[in-house]
Amino acid sequence: MKAPSWVRKYLGHVWVRHGREPGRWDCWGLVLAVHKNEFGNELPGYDGRYEAVLRGTSLDQILCERDLPWARVEPGYAECGD
């Protein structure tokens, strides 16, 4: 899959721990920004859950704490934004 042209505006920004400000993101902050700005999706921030991971809580457990409409995408059927 070829990267869409809008990807360029997200390259070269500063990584910031717990970053949620435009252009100053951590990994999940970047995912939040892309989904909101490019796809109109509001995803949960999981702020305050970072320490749980450091204490050994798995990421999948944290993601499953909220009842979100996640859907499995079968191999070969992924589209931009999945």
C-alpha atoms as a PDB file:
ATOM      1  CA  MET A   1       0.000   0.000   0.000  1.00  0.00           C
ATOM      2  CA  LYS A   2       1.407   3.380  -1.006  1.00  0.00           C
ATOM      3  CA  ALA A   3       1.477   6.043   1.722  1.00  0.00           C
ATOM      4  CA  PRO A   4      -0.963   8.904   1.115  1.00  0.00           C
ATOM      5  CA  SER A   5       0.449  12.388   0.536  1.00  0.00           C
ATOM      6  CA  TRP A   6      -0.872  13.727   3.875  1.00  0.00           C
ATOM      7  CA  VAL A   7       1.651  11.520   5.718  1.00  0.00           C
ATOM      8  CA  ARG A   8       4.395  14.074   5.051  1.00  0.00           C
ATOM      9  CA  LYS A   9       2.926  16.615   7.458  1.00  0.00           C
ATOM     10  CA  TYR A  10       3.446  14.170  10.347  1.00  0.00           C
ATOM     11  CA  LEU A  11       7.136  13.518   9.658  1.00  0.00           C
ATOM     12  CA  GLY A  12      10.003  15.204  11.471  1.00  0.00           C
ATOM     13  CA  HIS A  13       8.163  16.279  14.611  1.00  0.00           C
ATOM     14  CA  VAL A  14       9.500  16.091  18.146  1.00  0.00           C
ATOM     15  CA  TRP A  15       8.766  12.986  20.238  1.00  0.00           C
ATOM     16  CA  VAL A  16       7.532  14.014  23.701  1.00  0.00           C
ATOM     17  CA  ARG A  17       6.652  11.632  26.531  1.00  0.00           C
ATOM     18  CA  HIS A  18       2.844  11.692  26.935  1.00  0.00           C
ATOM     19  CA  GLY A  19       2.764  14.173  24.038  1.00  0.00           C
ATOM     20  CA  ARG A  20      -0.685  15.233  22.854  1.00  0.00           C
ATOM     21  CA  GLU A  21       0.010  18.722  21.480  1.00  0.00           C
ATOM     22  CA  PRO A  22       0.170  19.322  17.725  1.00  0.00           C
ATOM     23  CA  GLY A  23       3.643  18.416  16.484  1.00  0.00           C
ATOM     24  CA  ARG A  24       4.756  17.147  19.922  1.00  0.00           C
ATOM     25  CA  TRP A  25       3.569  13.565  20.220  1.00  0.00           C
ATOM     26  CA  ASP A  26       4.443  10.241  21.725  1.00  0.00           C
ATOM     27  CA  CYS A  27       3.529   7.152  19.694  1.00  0.00           C
ATOM     28  CA  TRP A  28      -0.136   7.035  20.773  1.00  0.00           C
ATOM     29  CA  GLY A  29      -0.428  10.813  20.506  1.00  0.00           C
ATOM     30  CA  LEU A  30       0.568  10.542  16.850  1.00  0.00           C
ATOM     31  CA  VAL A  31      -2.060   7.835  16.282  1.00  0.00           C
ATOM     32  CA  LEU A  32      -4.680  10.056  17.944  1.00  0.00           C
ATOM     33  CA  ALA A  33      -3.721  13.049  15.779  1.00  0.00           C
ATOM     34  CA  VAL A  34      -3.801  11.094  12.520  1.00  0.00           C
ATOM     35  CA  HIS A  35      -7.138   9.437  13.258  1.00  0.00           C
ATOM     36  CA  LYS A  36      -8.730  12.728  14.310  1.00  0.00           C
ATOM     37  CA  ASN A  37      -7.305  14.931  11.549  1.00  0.00           C
ATOM     38  CA  GLU A  38      -7.375  12.514   8.626  1.00  0.00           C
ATOM     39  CA  PHE A  39     -10.295  10.191   9.389  1.00  0.00           C
ATOM     40  CA  GLY A  40     -12.481  12.131  11.837  1.00  0.00           C
ATOM     41  CA  ASN A  41     -12.156   9.420  14.507  1.00  0.00           C
ATOM     42  CA  GLU A  42     -11.971  10.333  18.196  1.00  0.00           C
ATOM     43  CA  LEU A  43      -9.937   7.641  19.935  1.00  0.00           C
ATOM     44  CA  PRO A  44      -9.385   7.465  23.702  1.00  0.00           C
ATOM     45  CA  GLY A  45      -6.161   8.977  25.001  1.00  0.00           C
ATOM     46  CA  TYR A  46      -5.494   6.420  27.748  1.00  0.00           C
ATOM     47  CA  ASP A  47      -3.872   9.214  29.725  1.00  0.00           C
ATOM     48  CA  GLY A  48      -3.051   7.987  33.178  1.00  0.00           C
ATOM     49  CA  ARG A  49      -2.633   4.377  32.040  1.00  0.00           C
ATOM     50  CA  TYR A  50       1.082   4.628  31.206  1.00  0.00           C
ATOM     51  CA  GLU A  51       2.082   3.677  34.724  1.00  0.00           C
ATOM     52  CA  ALA A  52      -0.060   0.532  34.560  1.00  0.00           C
ATOM     53  CA  VAL A  53       2.069  -0.723  31.666  1.00  0.00           C
ATOM     54  CA  LEU A  54       5.218  -0.056  33.665  1.00  0.00           C
ATOM     55  CA  ARG A  55       3.713  -2.170  36.461  1.00  0.00           C
ATOM     56  CA  GLY A  56       3.094  -5.055  34.073  1.00  0.00           C
ATOM     57  CA  THR A  57      -0.434  -4.531  32.723  1.00  0.00           C
ATOM     58  CA  SER A  58      -0.539  -5.639  29.104  1.00  0.00           C
ATOM     59  CA  LEU A  59      -1.489  -3.184  26.392  1.00  0.00           C
ATOM     60  CA  ASP A  60      -4.254  -5.434  25.098  1.00  0.00           C
ATOM     61  CA  GLN A  61      -5.812  -5.459  28.580  1.00  0.00           C
ATOM     62  CA  ILE A  62      -5.796  -1.657  28.658  1.00  0.00           C
ATOM     63  CA  LEU A  63      -7.278  -1.430  25.155  1.00  0.00           C
ATOM     64  CA  CYS A  64     -10.074  -3.829  26.150  1.00  0.00           C
ATOM     65  CA  GLU A  65     -11.036  -1.804  29.241  1.00  0.00           C
ATOM     66  CA  ARG A  66     -13.316   0.344  27.114  1.00  0.00           C
ATOM     67  CA  ASP A  67     -16.098  -0.997  24.948  1.00  0.00           C
ATOM     68  CA  LEU A  68     -14.938   0.386  21.601  1.00  0.00           C
ATOM     69  CA  PRO A  69     -16.062  -0.725  18.163  1.00  0.00           C
ATOM     70  CA  TRP A  70     -12.702  -2.253  17.178  1.00  0.00           C
ATOM     71  CA  ALA A  71     -13.022  -4.584  14.203  1.00  0.00           C
ATOM     72  CA  ARG A  72     -10.651  -7.259  12.971  1.00  0.00           C
ATOM     73  CA  VAL A  73      -9.248  -6.588   9.508  1.00  0.00           C
ATOM     74  CA  GLU A  74      -8.404  -9.768   7.683  1.00  0.00           C
ATOM     75  CA  PRO A  75      -5.001  -9.989   6.001  1.00  0.00           C
ATOM     76  CA  GLY A  76      -5.107  -8.591   2.494  1.00  0.00           C
ATOM     77  CA  TYR A  77      -8.142  -6.375   3.194  1.00  0.00           C
ATOM     78  CA  ALA A  78      -6.491  -3.488   5.038  1.00  0.00           C
ATOM     79  CA  GLU A  79      -7.295   0.017   3.867  1.00  0.00           C
ATOM     80  CA  CYS A  80      -5.764   3.349   4.750  1.00  0.00           C
ATOM     81  CA  GLY A  81      -6.732   4.132   8.342  1.00  0.00           C
ATOM     82  CA  ASP A  82      -7.186   0.555   9.517  1.00  0.00           C
END
